[in-house]
Full PDB file with SEQRES, HELIX, SHEET, SSBOND, CRYST1, ORIGX, SCALE, CONECT and MASTER records, all heavy atoms in Angstrom:
SEQRES   1 A   31  MET PRO VAL ILE PRO ALA GLU THR VAL ALA ASP THR VAL          
SEQRES   2 A   31  LEU ARG ILE LEU THR GLY ASP GLY THR GLY GLU CYS TRP          
SEQRES   3 A   31  PHE ILE GLN ALA GLY                                          
HELIX    1 AA1 ALA A    6  THR A   18  1                                  13    
CRYST1    1.000    1.000    1.000  90.00  90.00  90.00 P 1           1          
ORIGX1      1.000000  0.000000  0.000000        0.00000                         
ORIGX2      0.000000  1.000000  0.000000        0.00000                         
ORIGX3      0.000000  0.000000  1.000000        0.00000                         
SCALE1      1.000000  0.000000  0.000000        0.00000                         
SCALE2      0.000000  1.000000  0.000000        0.00000                         
SCALE3      0.000000  0.000000  1.000000        0.00000                         
ATOM      1  N   MET A   1       0.801  -1.186   0.041  1.00  0.00           N  
ATOM      2  CA  MET A   1       0.036   0.015   0.047  1.00  0.00           C  
ATOM      3  C   MET A   1       0.879   1.116   0.090  1.00  0.00           C  
ATOM      4  O   MET A   1       1.711   1.445   0.881  1.00  0.00           O  
ATOM      5  CB  MET A   1      -0.998  -0.030   1.187  1.00  0.00           C  
ATOM      6  CG  MET A   1      -1.980   1.025   1.145  1.00  0.00           C  
ATOM      7  SD  MET A   1      -3.257   0.721   2.407  1.00  0.00           S  
ATOM      8  CE  MET A   1      -3.940  -0.920   1.866  1.00  0.00           C  
ATOM      9  N   PRO A   2       0.682   2.070  -1.068  1.00  0.00           N  
ATOM     10  CA  PRO A   2       1.546   3.265  -1.028  1.00  0.00           C  
ATOM     11  C   PRO A   2       1.300   4.343   0.011  1.00  0.00           C  
ATOM     12  O   PRO A   2       0.118   4.400   0.479  1.00  0.00           O  
ATOM     13  CB  PRO A   2       1.267   3.797  -2.409  1.00  0.00           C  
ATOM     14  CG  PRO A   2      -0.056   3.393  -2.741  1.00  0.00           C  
ATOM     15  CD  PRO A   2      -0.147   2.008  -2.074  1.00  0.00           C  
ATOM     16  N   VAL A   3       2.374   4.986   0.383  1.00  0.00           N  
ATOM     17  CA  VAL A   3       2.132   6.126   1.485  1.00  0.00           C  
ATOM     18  C   VAL A   3       2.176   7.442   0.623  1.00  0.00           C  
ATOM     19  O   VAL A   3       3.107   7.664  -0.136  1.00  0.00           O  
ATOM     20  CB  VAL A   3       3.261   6.134   2.429  1.00  0.00           C  
ATOM     21  CG1 VAL A   3       3.167   7.351   3.356  1.00  0.00           C  
ATOM     22  CG2 VAL A   3       3.255   4.826   3.184  1.00  0.00           C  
ATOM     23  N   ILE A   4       1.221   8.210   0.910  1.00  0.00           N  
ATOM     24  CA  ILE A   4       1.000   9.445   0.157  1.00  0.00           C  
ATOM     25  C   ILE A   4       2.014  10.528   0.719  1.00  0.00           C  
ATOM     26  O   ILE A   4       2.084  10.765   1.884  1.00  0.00           O  
ATOM     27  CB  ILE A   4      -0.405  10.043   0.271  1.00  0.00           C  
ATOM     28  CG1 ILE A   4      -1.426   8.990  -0.254  1.00  0.00           C  
ATOM     29  CG2 ILE A   4      -0.568  11.413  -0.362  1.00  0.00           C  
ATOM     30  CD1 ILE A   4      -2.901   9.355   0.206  1.00  0.00           C  
ATOM     31  N   PRO A   5       2.821  11.190  -0.298  1.00  0.00           N  
ATOM     32  CA  PRO A   5       3.778  12.092   0.232  1.00  0.00           C  
ATOM     33  C   PRO A   5       3.120  13.292   0.984  1.00  0.00           C  
ATOM     34  O   PRO A   5       1.980  13.723   0.543  1.00  0.00           O  
ATOM     35  CB  PRO A   5       4.470  12.602  -1.038  1.00  0.00           C  
ATOM     36  CG  PRO A   5       4.284  11.534  -2.021  1.00  0.00           C  
ATOM     37  CD  PRO A   5       2.863  10.936  -1.725  1.00  0.00           C  
ATOM     38  N   ALA A   6       3.747  13.794   1.981  1.00  0.00           N  
ATOM     39  CA  ALA A   6       3.210  14.891   2.722  1.00  0.00           C  
ATOM     40  C   ALA A   6       3.017  16.100   1.790  1.00  0.00           C  
ATOM     41  O   ALA A   6       2.136  16.915   1.959  1.00  0.00           O  
ATOM     42  CB  ALA A   6       4.213  15.208   3.860  1.00  0.00           C  
ATOM     43  N   GLU A   7       3.923  16.234   0.878  1.00  0.00           N  
ATOM     44  CA  GLU A   7       3.782  17.361  -0.129  1.00  0.00           C  
ATOM     45  C   GLU A   7       2.537  17.305  -0.922  1.00  0.00           C  
ATOM     46  O   GLU A   7       1.991  18.346  -1.221  1.00  0.00           O  
ATOM     47  CB  GLU A   7       4.990  17.395  -1.094  1.00  0.00           C  
ATOM     48  CG  GLU A   7       6.361  17.678  -0.431  1.00  0.00           C  
ATOM     49  CD  GLU A   7       6.880  16.475   0.219  1.00  0.00           C  
ATOM     50  OE1 GLU A   7       6.425  15.387   0.229  1.00  0.00           O  
ATOM     51  OE2 GLU A   7       8.016  16.652   0.804  1.00  0.00           O  
ATOM     52  N   THR A   8       2.013  16.182  -1.112  1.00  0.00           N  
ATOM     53  CA  THR A   8       0.739  16.008  -1.918  1.00  0.00           C  
ATOM     54  C   THR A   8      -0.467  16.578  -1.048  1.00  0.00           C  
ATOM     55  O   THR A   8      -1.324  17.305  -1.483  1.00  0.00           O  
ATOM     56  CB  THR A   8       0.456  14.606  -2.357  1.00  0.00           C  
ATOM     57  OG1 THR A   8       1.454  14.136  -3.074  1.00  0.00           O  
ATOM     58  CG2 THR A   8      -0.996  14.498  -3.006  1.00  0.00           C  
ATOM     59  N   VAL A   9      -0.326  16.293   0.196  1.00  0.00           N  
ATOM     60  CA  VAL A   9      -1.409  16.757   1.170  1.00  0.00           C  
ATOM     61  C   VAL A   9      -1.199  18.277   1.218  1.00  0.00           C  
ATOM     62  O   VAL A   9      -2.234  19.127   1.226  1.00  0.00           O  
ATOM     63  CB  VAL A   9      -1.297  16.071   2.649  1.00  0.00           C  
ATOM     64  CG1 VAL A   9      -2.372  16.640   3.496  1.00  0.00           C  
ATOM     65  CG2 VAL A   9      -1.401  14.678   2.454  1.00  0.00           C  
ATOM     66  N   ALA A  10      -0.049  18.846   1.405  1.00  0.00           N  
ATOM     67  CA  ALA A  10       0.058  20.284   1.513  1.00  0.00           C  
ATOM     68  C   ALA A  10      -0.288  21.061   0.301  1.00  0.00           C  
ATOM     69  O   ALA A  10      -0.917  22.125   0.366  1.00  0.00           O  
ATOM     70  CB  ALA A  10       1.634  20.537   1.876  1.00  0.00           C  
ATOM     71  N   ASP A  11      -0.018  20.432  -0.875  1.00  0.00           N  
ATOM     72  CA  ASP A  11      -0.431  21.065  -2.080  1.00  0.00           C  
ATOM     73  C   ASP A  11      -1.939  21.106  -2.205  1.00  0.00           C  
ATOM     74  O   ASP A  11      -2.615  22.133  -2.644  1.00  0.00           O  
ATOM     75  CB  ASP A  11       0.095  20.309  -3.313  1.00  0.00           C  
ATOM     76  CG  ASP A  11       1.618  20.515  -3.539  1.00  0.00           C  
ATOM     77  OD1 ASP A  11       2.153  21.492  -2.928  1.00  0.00           O  
ATOM     78  OD2 ASP A  11       2.161  19.715  -4.198  1.00  0.00           O  
ATOM     79  N   THR A  12      -2.636  20.069  -1.699  1.00  0.00           N  
ATOM     80  CA  THR A  12      -4.091  20.045  -1.719  1.00  0.00           C  
ATOM     81  C   THR A  12      -4.592  21.013  -0.819  1.00  0.00           C  
ATOM     82  O   THR A  12      -5.686  21.771  -1.159  1.00  0.00           O  
ATOM     83  CB  THR A  12      -4.526  18.631  -1.502  1.00  0.00           C  
ATOM     84  OG1 THR A  12      -3.955  17.702  -2.341  1.00  0.00           O  
ATOM     85  CG2 THR A  12      -6.059  18.542  -1.572  1.00  0.00           C  
ATOM     86  N   VAL A  13      -4.068  21.166   0.361  1.00  0.00           N  
ATOM     87  CA  VAL A  13      -4.562  22.102   1.252  1.00  0.00           C  
ATOM     88  C   VAL A  13      -4.389  23.485   0.708  1.00  0.00           C  
ATOM     89  O   VAL A  13      -5.325  24.327   0.803  1.00  0.00           O  
ATOM     90  CB  VAL A  13      -3.771  22.031   2.683  1.00  0.00           C  
ATOM     91  CG1 VAL A  13      -4.070  23.277   3.528  1.00  0.00           C  
ATOM     92  CG2 VAL A  13      -4.081  20.867   3.374  1.00  0.00           C  
ATOM     93  N   LEU A  14      -3.263  23.774   0.000  1.00  0.00           N  
ATOM     94  CA  LEU A  14      -3.171  25.139  -0.571  1.00  0.00           C  
ATOM     95  C   LEU A  14      -4.174  25.456  -1.728  1.00  0.00           C  
ATOM     96  O   LEU A  14      -4.650  26.409  -1.868  1.00  0.00           O  
ATOM     97  CB  LEU A  14      -1.795  25.188  -1.215  1.00  0.00           C  
ATOM     98  CG  LEU A  14      -1.296  26.555  -1.813  1.00  0.00           C  
ATOM     99  CD1 LEU A  14      -1.339  27.675  -0.718  1.00  0.00           C  
ATOM    100  CD2 LEU A  14       0.108  26.414  -2.378  1.00  0.00           C  
ATOM    101  N   ARG A  15      -4.436  24.294  -2.378  1.00  0.00           N  
ATOM    102  CA  ARG A  15      -5.427  24.386  -3.498  1.00  0.00           C  
ATOM    103  C   ARG A  15      -6.833  24.857  -2.877  1.00  0.00           C  
ATOM    104  O   ARG A  15      -7.577  25.755  -3.349  1.00  0.00           O  
ATOM    105  CB  ARG A  15      -5.739  23.152  -4.279  1.00  0.00           C  
ATOM    106  CG  ARG A  15      -4.546  22.969  -5.201  1.00  0.00           C  
ATOM    107  CD  ARG A  15      -4.775  21.511  -5.912  1.00  0.00           C  
ATOM    108  NE  ARG A  15      -5.823  21.442  -6.768  1.00  0.00           N  
ATOM    109  CZ  ARG A  15      -6.303  20.310  -7.360  1.00  0.00           C  
ATOM    110  NH1 ARG A  15      -5.624  19.224  -7.327  1.00  0.00           N  
ATOM    111  NH2 ARG A  15      -7.468  20.344  -8.035  1.00  0.00           N  
ATOM    112  N   ILE A  16      -7.127  24.124  -1.674  1.00  0.00           N  
ATOM    113  CA  ILE A  16      -8.348  24.436  -1.036  1.00  0.00           C  
ATOM    114  C   ILE A  16      -8.395  25.954  -0.504  1.00  0.00           C  
ATOM    115  O   ILE A  16      -9.327  26.721  -0.735  1.00  0.00           O  
ATOM    116  CB  ILE A  16      -8.659  23.510   0.097  1.00  0.00           C  
ATOM    117  CG1 ILE A  16      -8.812  22.205  -0.418  1.00  0.00           C  
ATOM    118  CG2 ILE A  16      -9.923  23.965   0.865  1.00  0.00           C  
ATOM    119  CD1 ILE A  16      -8.718  20.946   0.602  1.00  0.00           C  
ATOM    120  N   LEU A  17      -7.237  26.401   0.109  1.00  0.00           N  
ATOM    121  CA  LEU A  17      -7.235  27.767   0.744  1.00  0.00           C  
ATOM    122  C   LEU A  17      -7.263  28.794  -0.350  1.00  0.00           C  
ATOM    123  O   LEU A  17      -7.905  29.847  -0.093  1.00  0.00           O  
ATOM    124  CB  LEU A  17      -5.910  27.779   1.494  1.00  0.00           C  
ATOM    125  CG  LEU A  17      -5.735  27.057   2.846  1.00  0.00           C  
ATOM    126  CD1 LEU A  17      -4.423  27.218   3.292  1.00  0.00           C  
ATOM    127  CD2 LEU A  17      -6.826  27.587   3.778  1.00  0.00           C  
ATOM    128  N   THR A  18      -6.812  28.561  -1.554  1.00  0.00           N  
ATOM    129  CA  THR A  18      -6.806  29.598  -2.589  1.00  0.00           C  
ATOM    130  C   THR A  18      -7.906  29.431  -3.518  1.00  0.00           C  
ATOM    131  O   THR A  18      -7.981  30.191  -4.460  1.00  0.00           O  
ATOM    132  CB  THR A  18      -5.460  29.541  -3.359  1.00  0.00           C  
ATOM    133  OG1 THR A  18      -5.325  28.119  -3.931  1.00  0.00           O  
ATOM    134  CG2 THR A  18      -4.254  29.896  -2.554  1.00  0.00           C  
ATOM    135  N   GLY A  19      -8.779  28.472  -3.352  1.00  0.00           N  
ATOM    136  CA  GLY A  19      -9.951  28.158  -4.138  1.00  0.00           C  
ATOM    137  C   GLY A  19     -11.116  29.094  -3.692  1.00  0.00           C  
ATOM    138  O   GLY A  19     -11.023  29.995  -2.808  1.00  0.00           O  
ATOM    139  N   ASP A  20     -12.387  28.716  -4.172  1.00  0.00           N  
ATOM    140  CA  ASP A  20     -13.517  29.494  -3.748  1.00  0.00           C  
ATOM    141  C   ASP A  20     -14.582  28.701  -3.259  1.00  0.00           C  
ATOM    142  O   ASP A  20     -15.692  29.047  -2.994  1.00  0.00           O  
ATOM    143  CB  ASP A  20     -14.041  30.419  -4.923  1.00  0.00           C  
ATOM    144  CG  ASP A  20     -14.308  29.560  -6.165  1.00  0.00           C  
ATOM    145  OD1 ASP A  20     -14.376  28.362  -6.117  1.00  0.00           O  
ATOM    146  OD2 ASP A  20     -14.594  30.194  -7.197  1.00  0.00           O  
ATOM    147  N   GLY A  21     -14.352  27.328  -3.142  1.00  0.00           N  
ATOM    148  CA  GLY A  21     -15.355  26.389  -2.600  1.00  0.00           C  
ATOM    149  C   GLY A  21     -15.528  26.429  -1.092  1.00  0.00           C  
ATOM    150  O   GLY A  21     -14.670  26.899  -0.380  1.00  0.00           O  
ATOM    151  N   THR A  22     -16.606  26.001  -0.577  1.00  0.00           N  
ATOM    152  CA  THR A  22     -16.809  25.857   0.751  1.00  0.00           C  
ATOM    153  C   THR A  22     -17.835  24.555   1.112  1.00  0.00           C  
ATOM    154  O   THR A  22     -18.580  24.241   0.287  1.00  0.00           O  
ATOM    155  CB  THR A  22     -17.518  27.090   1.375  1.00  0.00           C  
ATOM    156  OG1 THR A  22     -17.419  27.140   2.907  1.00  0.00           O  
ATOM    157  CG2 THR A  22     -19.028  27.300   0.937  1.00  0.00           C  
ATOM    158  N   GLY A  23     -17.714  24.030   2.235  1.00  0.00           N  
ATOM    159  CA  GLY A  23     -18.385  22.883   2.639  1.00  0.00           C  
ATOM    160  C   GLY A  23     -17.866  21.614   1.744  1.00  0.00           C  
ATOM    161  O   GLY A  23     -18.582  20.624   1.767  1.00  0.00           O  
ATOM    162  N   GLU A  24     -16.748  21.666   1.191  1.00  0.00           N  
ATOM    163  CA  GLU A  24     -16.105  20.563   0.452  1.00  0.00           C  
ATOM    164  C   GLU A  24     -15.186  19.651   1.320  1.00  0.00           C  
ATOM    165  O   GLU A  24     -14.606  20.116   2.181  1.00  0.00           O  
ATOM    166  CB  GLU A  24     -15.390  21.058  -0.704  1.00  0.00           C  
ATOM    167  CG  GLU A  24     -16.295  21.862  -1.727  1.00  0.00           C  
ATOM    168  CD  GLU A  24     -15.515  22.398  -2.911  1.00  0.00           C  
ATOM    169  OE1 GLU A  24     -14.187  22.553  -2.839  1.00  0.00           O  
ATOM    170  OE2 GLU A  24     -16.059  22.766  -3.935  1.00  0.00           O  
ATOM    171  N   CYS A  25     -15.105  18.291   0.910  1.00  0.00           N  
ATOM    172  CA  CYS A  25     -14.349  17.438   1.548  1.00  0.00           C  
ATOM    173  C   CYS A  25     -13.431  16.754   0.454  1.00  0.00           C  
ATOM    174  O   CYS A  25     -13.986  15.873  -0.436  1.00  0.00           O  
ATOM    175  CB  CYS A  25     -15.165  16.358   2.252  1.00  0.00           C  
ATOM    176  SG  CYS A  25     -16.309  17.040   3.530  1.00  0.00           S  
ATOM    177  N   TRP A  26     -12.240  17.179   0.425  1.00  0.00           N  
ATOM    178  CA  TRP A  26     -11.318  16.804  -0.727  1.00  0.00           C  
ATOM    179  C   TRP A  26     -10.637  15.450  -0.343  1.00  0.00           C  
ATOM    180  O   TRP A  26      -9.928  15.416   0.705  1.00  0.00           O  
ATOM    181  CB  TRP A  26     -10.220  17.772  -0.907  1.00  0.00           C  
ATOM    182  CG  TRP A  26     -10.689  19.109  -1.689  1.00  0.00           C  
ATOM    183  CD1 TRP A  26     -11.661  19.922  -1.253  1.00  0.00           C  
ATOM    184  CD2 TRP A  26     -10.248  19.635  -2.913  1.00  0.00           C  
ATOM    185  NE1 TRP A  26     -11.823  20.923  -2.180  1.00  0.00           N  
ATOM    186  CE2 TRP A  26     -10.985  20.693  -3.163  1.00  0.00           C  
ATOM    187  CE3 TRP A  26      -9.138  19.100  -3.743  1.00  0.00           C  
ATOM    188  CZ2 TRP A  26     -10.774  21.576  -4.340  1.00  0.00           C  
ATOM    189  CZ3 TRP A  26      -9.003  19.880  -5.015  1.00  0.00           C  
ATOM    190  CH2 TRP A  26      -9.702  20.963  -5.214  1.00  0.00           C  
ATOM    191  N   PHE A  27     -10.816  14.392  -1.108  1.00  0.00           N  
ATOM    192  CA  PHE A  27     -10.063  13.152  -0.845  1.00  0.00           C  
ATOM    193  C   PHE A  27      -8.720  13.153  -1.481  1.00  0.00           C  
ATOM    194  O   PHE A  27      -8.565  13.808  -2.464  1.00  0.00           O  
ATOM    195  CB  PHE A  27     -10.909  11.897  -1.286  1.00  0.00           C  
ATOM    196  CG  PHE A  27     -11.068  11.800  -2.858  1.00  0.00           C  
ATOM    197  CD1 PHE A  27     -10.058  11.321  -3.564  1.00  0.00           C  
ATOM    198  CD2 PHE A  27     -12.210  12.269  -3.532  1.00  0.00           C  
ATOM    199  CE1 PHE A  27     -10.131  11.231  -4.960  1.00  0.00           C  
ATOM    200  CE2 PHE A  27     -12.332  12.167  -4.891  1.00  0.00           C  
ATOM    201  CZ  PHE A  27     -11.284  11.669  -5.626  1.00  0.00           C  
ATOM    202  N   ILE A  28      -7.826  12.514  -0.836  1.00  0.00           N  
ATOM    203  CA  ILE A  28      -6.404  12.343  -1.374  1.00  0.00           C  
ATOM    204  C   ILE A  28      -6.134  10.812  -1.272  1.00  0.00           C  
ATOM    205  O   ILE A  28      -6.064  10.225  -0.245  1.00  0.00           O  
ATOM    206  CB  ILE A  28      -5.407  13.182  -0.566  1.00  0.00           C  
ATOM    207  CG1 ILE A  28      -5.843  14.615  -0.509  1.00  0.00           C  
ATOM    208  CG2 ILE A  28      -3.931  12.998  -1.241  1.00  0.00           C  
ATOM    209  CD1 ILE A  28      -4.831  15.464   0.311  1.00  0.00           C  
ATOM    210  N   GLN A  29      -6.154  10.169  -2.487  1.00  0.00           N  
ATOM    211  CA  GLN A  29      -5.898   8.761  -2.703  1.00  0.00           C  
ATOM    212  C   GLN A  29      -4.804   8.503  -3.595  1.00  0.00           C  
ATOM    213  O   GLN A  29      -4.683   9.325  -4.677  1.00  0.00           O  
ATOM    214  CB  GLN A  29      -7.143   8.098  -3.064  1.00  0.00           C  
ATOM    215  CG  GLN A  29      -7.103   6.536  -3.147  1.00  0.00           C  
ATOM    216  CD  GLN A  29      -8.477   6.035  -3.708  1.00  0.00           C  
ATOM    217  OE1 GLN A  29      -9.051   6.577  -4.683  1.00  0.00           O  
ATOM    218  NE2 GLN A  29      -8.948   4.928  -3.141  1.00  0.00           N  
ATOM    219  N   ALA A  30      -3.948   7.568  -3.291  1.00  0.00           N  
ATOM    220  CA  ALA A  30      -2.811   7.396  -4.050  1.00  0.00           C  
ATOM    221  C   ALA A  30      -3.281   6.935  -5.560  1.00  0.00           C  
ATOM    222  O   ALA A  30      -4.175   6.209  -5.732  1.00  0.00           O  
ATOM    223  CB  ALA A  30      -1.900   6.184  -3.537  1.00  0.00           C  
ATOM    224  N   GLY A  31      -2.677   7.510  -6.542  1.00  0.00           N  
ATOM    225  CA  GLY A  31      -2.875   7.145  -7.931  1.00  0.00           C  
ATOM    226  C   GLY A  31      -4.174   7.894  -8.491  1.00  0.00           C  
ATOM    227  O   GLY A  31      -4.477   7.801  -9.653  1.00  0.00           O  
TER     228      GLY A  31                                                      
MASTER        0    0    0    1    0    0    0    6  227    1    0    3          
END                                                                             
């Protein structure tokens, strides 16, 4: 089972912070 790099999570958080959505739940799954 692959381990997701911390950078992938950080990049996703940055996308959320700089986006315009609200009430969203972003999944992060390998592949």
